[in-house]
Amino acid sequence: MIRAPSRAADALLRPEDIAIEVDPDGKGFVTRKSFLGAMTRLVVQIGALSVRVDVRSDVGSDIELGSRVRASIVARDVLVDPRKEVVVAGEVAAP
């Protein structure tokens, strides 16, 4: 059974647990691309969120910087952690 958290939470995923497809109507766009041998790491901006995505390099070679993409979660398991307040110099800051 899956229960929705009663307050804000963060979903923790590995970069290889996210798939992307080039989509001109996608909500994300590629801001960084790093070749890592068999894998290519992409950084995708989706709204205010910056997401690292690892794809096979044969797939990554076809994705250009600035490409609009659609992201989806391909993980079987996702760790969900209740969001915590961060205290900086006596003030509460958004995490």
Protein backbone atom coordinates (compact mmCIF):
# COMPACT_ATOMS: atom_id res chain seq x y z
CA MET A 1 0.00 0.00 0.00
CA ILE A 2 1.28 3.47 -0.90
CA ARG A 3 0.39 6.34 1.39
CA ALA A 4 0.90 10.00 0.52
CA PRO A 5 3.09 11.83 3.03
CA SER A 6 1.19 14.16 5.37
CA ARG A 7 3.73 16.95 4.74
CA ALA A 8 6.33 17.97 2.17
CA ALA A 9 8.77 15.22 1.22
CA ASP A 10 11.71 14.62 -1.12
CA ALA A 11 11.95 11.66 -3.50
CA LEU A 12 15.54 10.41 -3.68
CA LEU A 13 16.55 8.83 -6.97
CA ARG A 14 19.80 7.77 -8.61
CA PRO A 15 20.67 9.57 -11.88
CA GLU A 16 20.23 6.28 -13.77
CA ASP A 17 16.68 5.92 -12.41
CA ILE A 18 15.42 8.74 -14.62
CA ALA A 19 14.79 8.37 -18.35
CA ILE A 20 14.50 11.26 -20.76
CA GLU A 21 13.22 11.60 -24.29
CA VAL A 22 13.71 14.53 -26.62
CA ASP A 23 10.31 16.21 -26.86
CA PRO A 24 9.79 19.73 -28.28
CA ASP A 25 6.87 20.12 -25.83
CA GLY A 26 8.83 18.72 -22.86
CA LYS A 27 8.94 20.63 -19.59
CA GLY A 28 12.69 20.19 -19.16
CA PHE A 29 15.75 21.28 -21.09
CA VAL A 30 19.37 20.07 -21.05
CA THR A 31 21.76 22.54 -19.41
CA ARG A 32 24.91 20.41 -19.08
CA LYS A 33 26.36 17.31 -20.70
CA SER A 34 29.39 15.30 -19.51
CA PHE A 35 30.82 12.23 -21.25
CA LEU A 36 31.75 9.56 -18.66
CA GLY A 37 32.74 6.65 -20.91
CA ALA A 38 29.84 4.21 -21.24
CA MET A 39 27.52 6.76 -19.63
CA THR A 40 26.78 10.41 -20.31
CA ARG A 41 25.56 12.60 -17.45
CA LEU A 42 23.02 15.24 -18.38
CA VAL A 43 21.72 18.01 -16.16
CA VAL A 44 18.10 18.78 -16.96
CA GLN A 45 16.33 21.89 -15.72
CA ILE A 46 12.65 21.24 -14.95
CA GLY A 47 11.11 24.42 -13.58
CA ALA A 48 13.19 25.44 -10.56
CA LEU A 49 14.57 21.89 -10.16
CA SER A 50 17.93 20.83 -11.60
CA VAL A 51 18.06 17.03 -12.13
CA ARG A 52 21.07 14.82 -12.94
CA VAL A 53 20.28 12.07 -15.44
CA ASP A 54 22.69 9.30 -16.53
CA VAL A 55 22.05 7.76 -19.95
CA ARG A 56 24.02 5.35 -22.12
CA SER A 57 26.51 7.34 -24.19
CA ASP A 58 25.01 6.10 -27.47
CA VAL A 59 21.73 7.72 -26.35
CA GLY A 60 23.41 10.82 -24.91
CA SER A 61 25.29 11.53 -28.13
CA ASP A 62 21.96 12.31 -29.82
CA ILE A 63 20.87 14.84 -27.17
CA GLU A 64 22.16 18.38 -27.64
CA LEU A 65 22.53 21.13 -25.05
CA GLY A 66 19.33 23.14 -24.87
CA SER A 67 17.19 20.24 -26.15
CA ARG A 68 13.68 20.14 -24.73
CA VAL A 69 13.09 16.80 -22.99
CA ARG A 70 10.44 14.84 -21.12
CA ALA A 71 11.58 13.02 -17.98
CA SER A 72 10.12 9.91 -16.39
CA ILE A 73 11.05 7.75 -13.41
CA VAL A 74 12.11 4.19 -14.28
CA ALA A 75 13.14 3.12 -10.76
CA ARG A 76 11.42 0.16 -9.16
CA ASP A 77 11.94 1.64 -5.71
CA VAL A 78 12.02 5.28 -4.63
CA LEU A 79 13.18 6.47 -1.23
CA VAL A 80 10.88 9.17 0.16
CA ASP A 81 12.20 11.29 3.01
CA PRO A 82 10.19 13.90 4.94
CA ARG A 83 11.50 17.36 4.09
CA LYS A 84 13.51 18.92 6.89
CA GLU A 85 13.94 22.57 7.72
CA VAL A 86 17.45 23.92 7.32
CA VAL A 87 18.68 26.39 9.93
CA VAL A 88 21.27 28.90 8.74
CA ALA A 89 22.66 31.49 11.20
CA GLY A 90 19.55 31.31 13.38
CA GLU A 91 17.07 31.60 10.51
CA VAL A 92 14.98 28.88 8.93
CA ALA A 93 15.79 28.48 5.23
CA ALA A 94 13.98 26.51 2.55
CA PRO A 95 15.76 23.21 1.83
